[in-house]
């Protein structure tokens, strides 16, 4: 009886050890909670192509360069995706909202000289997205790299402020809404391999299956429906960097 009990204890310990090794080896698929959502928080140096319609003018006479010196704005965005297909990679529909602003010194319309009063540009890009992530190799073979593509329809409210109010040019208010299209190509690095036990605990306690560090390049055309050739142009080509959470 004593021998049988000893063998049973040893067998239980061996199974527990094997199970722990299996869980920590990166093959923790069996223990994961269901995944259907994806959240991203990201930042980008963003330079709108406001001067593109004015390339025939000297640089100092182009509006964005003249007021802001041509420097980049800081753009922040958050994005939520819902995954409705998960067979060979994942296909998702999403929505993102961002915000960016930049301030400089106003320029007098008559003299063309800078005046001691700030003027600023503020934008709020809102995107409806279709997202494909090729995570099949990650799910099957634990390859931590996930390439992805996004296509988006963009609505971008914008306004120019002078002091604490919206800029006026005669009776025309410096505000509006731009519509455009955006394409994104990105690569995400799954961070679970850095600490598999922590990743498993993050899933069991919070419901986050995977955590990613990513970089993506964006081409954004916002002058598709412009009424005039020199309409305000908020198009851009920029890179974004951020963290993603799949749950």
C-alpha atoms as a PDB file:
ATOM      1  CA  UNK A   1       0.000   0.000   0.000  1.00  0.00           C
ATOM      2  CA  UNK A   2       2.790   2.394   0.917  1.00  0.00           C
ATOM      3  CA  UNK A   3       4.556   1.668  -2.374  1.00  0.00           C
ATOM      4  CA  UNK A   4       1.362   2.278  -4.364  1.00  0.00           C
ATOM      5  CA  UNK A   5       0.768   5.591  -2.578  1.00  0.00           C
ATOM      6  CA  UNK A   6       4.334   6.680  -3.300  1.00  0.00           C
ATOM      7  CA  UNK A   7       3.977   5.811  -6.980  1.00  0.00           C
ATOM      8  CA  UNK A   8       0.660   7.685  -7.192  1.00  0.00           C
ATOM      9  CA  UNK A   9       2.188  10.823  -5.640  1.00  0.00           C
ATOM     10  CA  UNK A  10       5.128  10.636  -8.007  1.00  0.00           C
ATOM     11  CA  UNK A  11       2.780  10.261 -10.979  1.00  0.00           C
ATOM     12  CA  UNK A  12       0.705  13.291  -9.906  1.00  0.00           C
ATOM     13  CA  UNK A  13       3.877  15.368  -9.433  1.00  0.00           C
ATOM     14  CA  UNK A  14       5.169  14.283 -12.832  1.00  0.00           C
ATOM     15  CA  UNK A  15       1.886  15.215 -14.551  1.00  0.00           C
ATOM     16  CA  UNK A  16       1.797  18.596 -12.764  1.00  0.00           C
ATOM     17  CA  UNK A  17       5.392  19.308 -13.788  1.00  0.00           C
ATOM     18  CA  UNK A  18       4.682  18.353 -17.391  1.00  0.00           C
ATOM     19  CA  UNK A  19       1.556  20.504 -17.422  1.00  0.00           C
ATOM     20  CA  UNK A  20       3.486  23.515 -16.058  1.00  0.00           C
ATOM     21  CA  UNK A  21       6.201  23.023 -18.669  1.00  0.00           C
ATOM     22  CA  UNK A  22       3.560  22.852 -21.389  1.00  0.00           C
ATOM     23  CA  UNK A  23       1.935  26.063 -20.185  1.00  0.00           C
ATOM     24  CA  UNK A  24       5.190  28.004 -19.910  1.00  0.00           C
ATOM     25  CA  UNK A  25       6.639  26.778 -23.187  1.00  0.00           C
ATOM     26  CA  UNK A  26       4.474  29.246 -25.115  1.00  0.00           C
ATOM     27  CA  UNK A  27       1.852  26.649 -26.122  1.00  0.00           C
ATOM     28  CA  UNK A  28      -0.836  28.003 -23.811  1.00  0.00           C
ATOM     29  CA  UNK A  29      -3.598  28.021 -26.407  1.00  0.00           C
ATOM     30  CA  UNK A  30      -5.755  25.591 -24.409  1.00  0.00           C
ATOM     31  CA  UNK A  31      -5.771  27.941 -21.416  1.00  0.00           C
ATOM     32  CA  UNK A  32      -6.612  31.166 -23.251  1.00  0.00           C
ATOM     33  CA  UNK A  33      -9.872  33.004 -22.807  1.00  0.00           C
ATOM     34  CA  UNK A  34     -11.887  33.688 -25.988  1.00  0.00           C
ATOM     35  CA  UNK A  35     -10.546  36.596 -28.036  1.00  0.00           C
ATOM     36  CA  UNK A  36     -12.642  38.892 -30.208  1.00  0.00           C
ATOM     37  CA  UNK A  37     -11.504  42.475 -29.475  1.00  0.00           C
ATOM     38  CA  UNK A  38      -8.361  44.497 -30.071  1.00  0.00           C
ATOM     39  CA  UNK A  39      -7.358  47.833 -28.507  1.00  0.00           C
ATOM     40  CA  UNK A  40      -4.491  50.089 -29.608  1.00  0.00           C
ATOM     41  CA  UNK A  41      -2.981  53.276 -28.212  1.00  0.00           C
ATOM     42  CA  UNK A  42      -0.451  54.991 -30.488  1.00  0.00           C
ATOM     43  CA  UNK A  43       1.501  58.158 -31.206  1.00  0.00           C
ATOM     44  CA  UNK A  44       2.957  59.698 -34.332  1.00  0.00           C
ATOM     45  CA  UNK A  45       4.899  62.725 -35.573  1.00  0.00           C
ATOM     46  CA  UNK A  46       2.316  64.034 -38.039  1.00  0.00           C
ATOM     47  CA  UNK A  47       2.943  66.724 -40.650  1.00  0.00           C
ATOM     48  CA  UNK A  48      -0.154  67.631 -42.690  1.00  0.00           C
ATOM     49  CA  UNK A  49       0.461  68.515 -46.317  1.00  0.00           C
ATOM     50  CA  UNK A  50      -1.043  71.969 -45.903  1.00  0.00           C
ATOM     51  CA  UNK A  51       1.668  73.479 -48.076  1.00  0.00           C
ATOM     52  CA  UNK A  52       1.193  71.019 -50.962  1.00  0.00           C
ATOM     53  CA  UNK A  53      -1.229  73.300 -52.876  1.00  0.00           C
ATOM     54  CA  UNK A  54       1.239  76.196 -52.465  1.00  0.00           C
ATOM     55  CA  UNK A  55       4.426  74.614 -53.794  1.00  0.00           C
ATOM     56  CA  UNK A  56       4.634  77.304 -56.460  1.00  0.00           C
ATOM     57  CA  UNK A  57       5.250  79.909 -53.728  1.00  0.00           C
ATOM     58  CA  UNK A  58       8.511  80.551 -51.851  1.00  0.00           C
ATOM     59  CA  UNK A  59       8.793  78.402 -48.719  1.00  0.00           C
ATOM     60  CA  UNK A  60       8.345  81.324 -46.313  1.00  0.00           C
ATOM     61  CA  UNK A  61       5.039  82.210 -48.006  1.00  0.00           C
ATOM     62  CA  UNK A  62       3.518  78.750 -47.647  1.00  0.00           C
ATOM     63  CA  UNK A  63       0.945  78.846 -44.815  1.00  0.00           C
ATOM     64  CA  UNK A  64       2.042  75.872 -42.679  1.00  0.00           C
ATOM     65  CA  UNK A  65       5.732  76.707 -42.915  1.00  0.00           C
ATOM     66  CA  UNK A  66       5.136  80.413 -42.315  1.00  0.00           C
ATOM     67  CA  UNK A  67       3.097  79.912 -39.139  1.00  0.00           C
ATOM     68  CA  UNK A  68       4.469  76.663 -37.683  1.00  0.00           C
ATOM     69  CA  UNK A  69       7.934  76.464 -39.204  1.00  0.00           C
ATOM     70  CA  UNK A  70       7.108  73.246 -41.031  1.00  0.00           C
ATOM     71  CA  UNK A  71       7.609  71.088 -37.896  1.00  0.00           C
ATOM     72  CA  UNK A  72       5.590  67.965 -37.143  1.00  0.00           C
ATOM     73  CA  UNK A  73       2.530  67.861 -34.906  1.00  0.00           C
ATOM     74  CA  UNK A  74       2.154  65.144 -32.251  1.00  0.00           C
ATOM     75  CA  UNK A  75      -0.795  62.919 -33.126  1.00  0.00           C
ATOM     76  CA  UNK A  76      -2.320  60.497 -30.625  1.00  0.00           C
ATOM     77  CA  UNK A  77      -4.927  57.863 -31.486  1.00  0.00           C
ATOM     78  CA  UNK A  78      -6.872  55.073 -29.819  1.00  0.00           C
ATOM     79  CA  UNK A  79      -8.473  52.251 -31.782  1.00  0.00           C
ATOM     80  CA  UNK A  80     -10.997  49.489 -31.038  1.00  0.00           C
ATOM     81  CA  UNK A  81     -11.450  46.519 -33.406  1.00  0.00           C
ATOM     82  CA  UNK A  82     -13.976  43.678 -33.356  1.00  0.00           C
ATOM     83  CA  UNK A  83     -12.735  40.433 -34.924  1.00  0.00           C
ATOM     84  CA  UNK A  84     -15.505  38.695 -36.876  1.00  0.00           C
ATOM     85  CA  UNK A  85     -13.276  36.190 -38.722  1.00  0.00           C
ATOM     86  CA  UNK A  86     -10.484  34.068 -37.200  1.00  0.00           C
ATOM     87  CA  UNK A  87      -9.675  31.233 -39.584  1.00  0.00           C
ATOM     88  CA  UNK A  88      -6.602  32.121 -41.642  1.00  0.00           C
ATOM     89  CA  UNK A  89      -5.547  35.239 -39.803  1.00  0.00           C
ATOM     90  CA  UNK A  90      -8.180  37.577 -38.393  1.00  0.00           C
ATOM     91  CA  UNK A  91     -10.477  40.083 -40.076  1.00  0.00           C
ATOM     92  CA  UNK A  92     -11.917  42.927 -38.016  1.00  0.00           C
ATOM     93  CA  UNK A  93     -13.964  46.081 -38.268  1.00  0.00           C
ATOM     94  CA  UNK A  94     -12.812  49.004 -36.160  1.00  0.00           C
ATOM     95  CA  UNK A  95     -13.151  52.605 -35.121  1.00  0.00           C
ATOM     96  CA  UNK A  96     -10.354  54.995 -34.150  1.00  0.00           C
ATOM     97  CA  UNK A  97     -10.308  58.540 -32.778  1.00  0.00           C
ATOM     98  CA  UNK A  98      -7.279  60.831 -32.590  1.00  0.00           C
ATOM     99  CA  UNK A  99      -6.277  64.340 -31.620  1.00  0.00           C
ATOM    100  CA  UNK A 100      -3.462  66.677 -32.627  1.00  0.00           C
ATOM    101  CA  UNK A 101      -2.697  70.365 -32.246  1.00  0.00           C
ATOM    102  CA  UNK A 102       0.115  72.779 -33.027  1.00  0.00           C
ATOM    103  CA  UNK A 103       0.590  76.449 -32.159  1.00  0.00           C
ATOM    104  CA  UNK A 104       2.663  79.243 -33.648  1.00  0.00           C
ATOM    105  CA  UNK A 105       2.696  83.033 -33.863  1.00  0.00           C
ATOM    106  CA  UNK A 106       0.012  84.730 -35.941  1.00  0.00           C
ATOM    107  CA  UNK A 107       0.912  86.581 -39.132  1.00  0.00           C
ATOM    108  CA  UNK A 108      -0.678  89.951 -39.885  1.00  0.00           C
ATOM    109  CA  UNK A 109      -2.646  89.671 -43.132  1.00  0.00           C
ATOM    110  CA  UNK A 110      -1.670  93.222 -44.226  1.00  0.00           C
ATOM    111  CA  UNK A 111       2.016  93.497 -43.308  1.00  0.00           C
ATOM    112  CA  UNK A 112       2.867  89.799 -43.502  1.00  0.00           C
ATOM    113  CA  UNK A 113       4.811  90.140 -40.211  1.00  0.00           C
ATOM    114  CA  UNK A 114       4.505  87.969 -37.109  1.00  0.00           C
ATOM    115  CA  UNK A 115       2.475  89.451 -34.253  1.00  0.00           C
ATOM    116  CA  UNK A 116       2.585  88.615 -30.571  1.00  0.00           C
ATOM    117  CA  UNK A 117      -0.511  86.426 -30.577  1.00  0.00           C
ATOM    118  CA  UNK A 118      -0.727  82.670 -30.888  1.00  0.00           C
ATOM    119  CA  UNK A 119      -2.623  80.799 -33.558  1.00  0.00           C
ATOM    120  CA  UNK A 120      -3.181  77.089 -33.539  1.00  0.00           C
ATOM    121  CA  UNK A 121      -4.418  74.217 -35.687  1.00  0.00           C
ATOM    122  CA  UNK A 122      -6.433  71.413 -34.086  1.00  0.00           C
ATOM    123  CA  UNK A 123      -7.612  68.231 -35.782  1.00  0.00           C
ATOM    124  CA  UNK A 124      -9.656  65.192 -34.703  1.00  0.00           C
ATOM    125  CA  UNK A 125      -9.250  62.283 -37.167  1.00  0.00           C
ATOM    126  CA  UNK A 126     -12.053  59.711 -36.910  1.00  0.00           C
ATOM    127  CA  UNK A 127     -11.686  56.483 -38.898  1.00  0.00           C
ATOM    128  CA  UNK A 128     -13.922  53.548 -39.789  1.00  0.00           C
ATOM    129  CA  UNK A 129     -11.529  50.657 -40.442  1.00  0.00           C
ATOM    130  CA  UNK A 130     -11.304  47.229 -42.013  1.00  0.00           C
ATOM    131  CA  UNK A 131      -8.307  45.344 -40.549  1.00  0.00           C
ATOM    132  CA  UNK A 132      -6.618  42.084 -41.554  1.00  0.00           C
ATOM    133  CA  UNK A 133      -3.964  40.586 -39.271  1.00  0.00           C
ATOM    134  CA  UNK A 134      -1.948  37.586 -40.427  1.00  0.00           C
ATOM    135  CA  UNK A 135      -1.687  35.919 -37.013  1.00  0.00           C
ATOM    136  CA  UNK A 136      -2.023  32.349 -38.320  1.00  0.00           C
ATOM    137  CA  UNK A 137       1.723  31.646 -37.980  1.00  0.00           C
ATOM    138  CA  UNK A 138       1.667  33.046 -34.450  1.00  0.00           C
ATOM    139  CA  UNK A 139      -1.307  30.912 -33.407  1.00  0.00           C
ATOM    140  CA  UNK A 140       0.007  27.702 -35.019  1.00  0.00           C
ATOM    141  CA  UNK A 141       3.774  27.962 -34.637  1.00  0.00           C
ATOM    142  CA  UNK A 142       4.239  30.715 -32.002  1.00  0.00           C
ATOM    143  CA  UNK A 143       5.998  33.081 -34.417  1.00  0.00           C
ATOM    144  CA  UNK A 144       5.806  36.373 -32.466  1.00  0.00           C
ATOM    145  CA  UNK A 145       5.573  38.655 -35.530  1.00  0.00           C
ATOM    146  CA  UNK A 146       2.159  39.631 -36.921  1.00  0.00           C
ATOM    147  CA  UNK A 147       2.000  41.687 -40.147  1.00  0.00           C
ATOM    148  CA  UNK A 148      -1.259  43.499 -40.864  1.00  0.00           C
ATOM    149  CA  UNK A 149      -3.000  45.892 -43.239  1.00  0.00           C
ATOM    150  CA  UNK A 150      -5.791  48.424 -42.690  1.00  0.00           C
ATOM    151  CA  UNK A 151      -8.078  50.407 -44.971  1.00  0.00           C
ATOM    152  CA  UNK A 152     -10.096  53.298 -43.582  1.00  0.00           C
ATOM    153  CA  UNK A 153     -12.619  55.980 -44.418  1.00  0.00           C
ATOM    154  CA  UNK A 154     -11.582  59.138 -42.572  1.00  0.00           C
ATOM    155  CA  UNK A 155     -13.661  62.016 -41.233  1.00  0.00           C
ATOM    156  CA  UNK A 156     -11.474  64.831 -39.907  1.00  0.00           C
ATOM    157  CA  UNK A 157     -12.974  67.869 -38.150  1.00  0.00           C
ATOM    158  CA  UNK A 158     -10.461  70.735 -37.971  1.00  0.00           C
ATOM    159  CA  UNK A 159     -10.390  74.281 -36.658  1.00  0.00           C
ATOM    160  CA  UNK A 160      -7.926  77.149 -36.404  1.00  0.00           C
ATOM    161  CA  UNK A 161      -7.863  79.099 -33.141  1.00  0.00           C
ATOM    162  CA  UNK A 162      -6.544  82.593 -32.547  1.00  0.00           C
ATOM    163  CA  UNK A 163      -6.171  83.310 -28.861  1.00  0.00           C
ATOM    164  CA  UNK A 164      -9.089  81.486 -27.272  1.00  0.00           C
ATOM    165  CA  UNK A 165     -11.567  81.571 -30.167  1.00  0.00           C
ATOM    166  CA  UNK A 166     -11.961  80.227 -33.692  1.00  0.00           C
ATOM    167  CA  UNK A 167     -10.058  82.229 -36.316  1.00  0.00           C
ATOM    168  CA  UNK A 168     -12.123  84.513 -38.543  1.00  0.00           C
ATOM    169  CA  UNK A 169     -11.259  85.665 -42.047  1.00  0.00           C
ATOM    170  CA  UNK A 170     -13.886  88.278 -42.803  1.00  0.00           C
ATOM    171  CA  UNK A 171     -17.096  86.373 -42.111  1.00  0.00           C
ATOM    172  CA  UNK A 172     -15.503  82.987 -42.821  1.00  0.00           C
ATOM    173  CA  UNK A 173     -14.803  80.881 -39.733  1.00  0.00           C
ATOM    174  CA  UNK A 174     -11.581  78.864 -39.718  1.00  0.00           C
ATOM    175  CA  UNK A 175     -13.134  75.458 -39.221  1.00  0.00           C
ATOM    176  CA  UNK A 176     -14.521  72.588 -41.235  1.00  0.00           C
ATOM    177  CA  UNK A 177     -14.640  68.833 -41.831  1.00  0.00           C
ATOM    178  CA  UNK A 178     -12.489  66.924 -44.318  1.00  0.00           C
ATOM    179  CA  UNK A 179     -13.241  63.472 -45.752  1.00  0.00           C
ATOM    180  CA  UNK A 180     -10.693  61.053 -47.128  1.00  0.00           C
ATOM    181  CA  UNK A 181      -9.202  57.567 -47.345  1.00  0.00           C
ATOM    182  CA  UNK A 182      -6.323  55.949 -45.503  1.00  0.00           C
ATOM    183  CA  UNK A 183      -4.163  52.865 -45.990  1.00  0.00           C
ATOM    184  CA  UNK A 184      -1.913  51.288 -43.331  1.00  0.00           C
ATOM    185  CA  UNK A 185       0.812  48.645 -43.432  1.00  0.00           C
ATOM    186  CA  UNK A 186       2.139  47.490 -40.067  1.00  0.00           C
ATOM    187  CA  UNK A 187       4.072  44.889 -38.099  1.00  0.00           C
ATOM    188  CA  UNK A 188       3.337  43.862 -34.501  1.00  0.00           C
ATOM    189  CA  UNK A 189       5.629  42.012 -32.087  1.00  0.00           C
ATOM    190  CA  UNK A 190       3.847  39.811 -29.546  1.00  0.00           C
ATOM    191  CA  UNK A 191       5.456  40.377 -26.141  1.00  0.00           C
ATOM    192  CA  UNK A 192       4.180  37.212 -24.414  1.00  0.00           C
ATOM    193  CA  UNK A 193       7.487  35.389 -24.990  1.00  0.00           C
ATOM    194  CA  UNK A 194       9.237  37.797 -22.600  1.00  0.00           C
ATOM    195  CA  UNK A 195       7.375  36.225 -19.662  1.00  0.00           C
ATOM    196  CA  UNK A 196       4.922  33.430 -20.494  1.00  0.00           C
ATOM    197  CA  UNK A 197       3.744  33.057 -16.887  1.00  0.00           C
ATOM    198  CA  UNK A 198       2.956  36.780 -16.637  1.00  0.00           C
ATOM    199  CA  UNK A 199       1.134  36.642 -19.983  1.00  0.00           C
ATOM    200  CA  UNK A 200      -0.948  33.704 -18.733  1.00  0.00           C
ATOM    201  CA  UNK A 201      -1.785  35.525 -15.486  1.00  0.00           C
ATOM    202  CA  UNK A 202      -2.686  38.698 -17.430  1.00  0.00           C
ATOM    203  CA  UNK A 203      -5.150  36.625 -19.439  1.00  0.00           C
ATOM    204  CA  UNK A 204      -6.697  34.800 -16.486  1.00  0.00           C
ATOM    205  CA  UNK A 205      -7.037  37.906 -14.303  1.00  0.00           C
ATOM    206  CA  UNK A 206      -7.825  40.658 -16.853  1.00  0.00           C
ATOM    207  CA  UNK A 207      -8.790  38.746 -20.004  1.00  0.00           C
ATOM    208  CA  UNK A 208      -5.969  40.096 -22.223  1.00  0.00           C
ATOM    209  CA  UNK A 209      -4.832  37.223 -24.447  1.00  0.00           C
ATOM    210  CA  UNK A 210      -1.825  38.918 -26.032  1.00  0.00           C
ATOM    211  CA  UNK A 211       0.116  42.180 -25.774  1.00  0.00           C
ATOM    212  CA  UNK A 212       1.859  43.733 -28.770  1.00  0.00           C
ATOM    213  CA  UNK A 213       4.389  46.410 -29.589  1.00  0.00           C
ATOM    214  CA  UNK A 214       3.835  47.673 -33.118  1.00  0.00           C
ATOM    215  CA  UNK A 215       4.868  50.127 -35.823  1.00  0.00           C
ATOM    216  CA  UNK A 216       2.809  51.075 -38.849  1.00  0.00           C
ATOM    217  CA  UNK A 217       3.095  53.327 -41.863  1.00  0.00           C
ATOM    218  CA  UNK A 218       0.077  55.380 -42.941  1.00  0.00           C
ATOM    219  CA  UNK A 219      -0.779  57.039 -46.243  1.00  0.00           C
ATOM    220  CA  UNK A 220      -3.724  59.390 -45.855  1.00  0.00           C
ATOM    221  CA  UNK A 221      -5.376  61.349 -48.666  1.00  0.00           C
ATOM    222  CA  UNK A 222      -7.726  64.021 -47.324  1.00  0.00           C
ATOM    223  CA  UNK A 223      -8.136  66.258 -50.374  1.00  0.00           C
ATOM    224  CA  UNK A 224     -10.308  63.925 -52.456  1.00  0.00           C
ATOM    225  CA  UNK A 225     -13.404  66.108 -52.293  1.00  0.00           C
ATOM    226  CA  UNK A 226     -11.784  69.542 -52.255  1.00  0.00           C
ATOM    227  CA  UNK A 227     -13.826  72.325 -53.853  1.00  0.00           C
ATOM    228  CA  UNK A 228     -10.727  74.275 -54.940  1.00  0.00           C
ATOM    229  CA  UNK A 229      -7.136  73.418 -55.764  1.00  0.00           C
ATOM    230  CA  UNK A 230      -5.889  75.402 -52.762  1.00  0.00           C
ATOM    231  CA  UNK A 231      -8.327  74.056 -50.198  1.00  0.00           C
ATOM    232  CA  UNK A 232      -6.864  73.148 -46.799  1.00  0.00           C
ATOM    233  CA  UNK A 233      -5.046  69.840 -47.262  1.00  0.00           C
ATOM    234  CA  UNK A 234      -4.693  67.565 -44.209  1.00  0.00           C
ATOM    235  CA  UNK A 235      -3.273  64.623 -46.148  1.00  0.00           C
ATOM    236  CA  UNK A 236      -0.149  62.965 -44.745  1.00  0.00           C
ATOM    237  CA  UNK A 237       2.367  60.142 -44.863  1.00  0.00           C
ATOM    238  CA  UNK A 238       3.444  59.212 -41.339  1.00  0.00           C
ATOM    239  CA  UNK A 239       4.543  56.409 -39.020  1.00  0.00           C
ATOM    240  CA  UNK A 240       2.778  55.463 -35.801  1.00  0.00           C
ATOM    241  CA  UNK A 241       4.124  53.482 -32.826  1.00  0.00           C
ATOM    242  CA  UNK A 242       2.156  51.998 -29.960  1.00  0.00           C
ATOM    243  CA  UNK A 243       0.885  49.167 -27.785  1.00  0.00           C
ATOM    244  CA  UNK A 244      -1.911  46.742 -28.673  1.00  0.00           C
ATOM    245  CA  UNK A 245      -3.995  44.462 -26.455  1.00  0.00           C
ATOM    246  CA  UNK A 246      -6.011  41.527 -27.771  1.00  0.00           C
ATOM    247  CA  UNK A 247      -8.840  40.289 -25.569  1.00  0.00           C
END
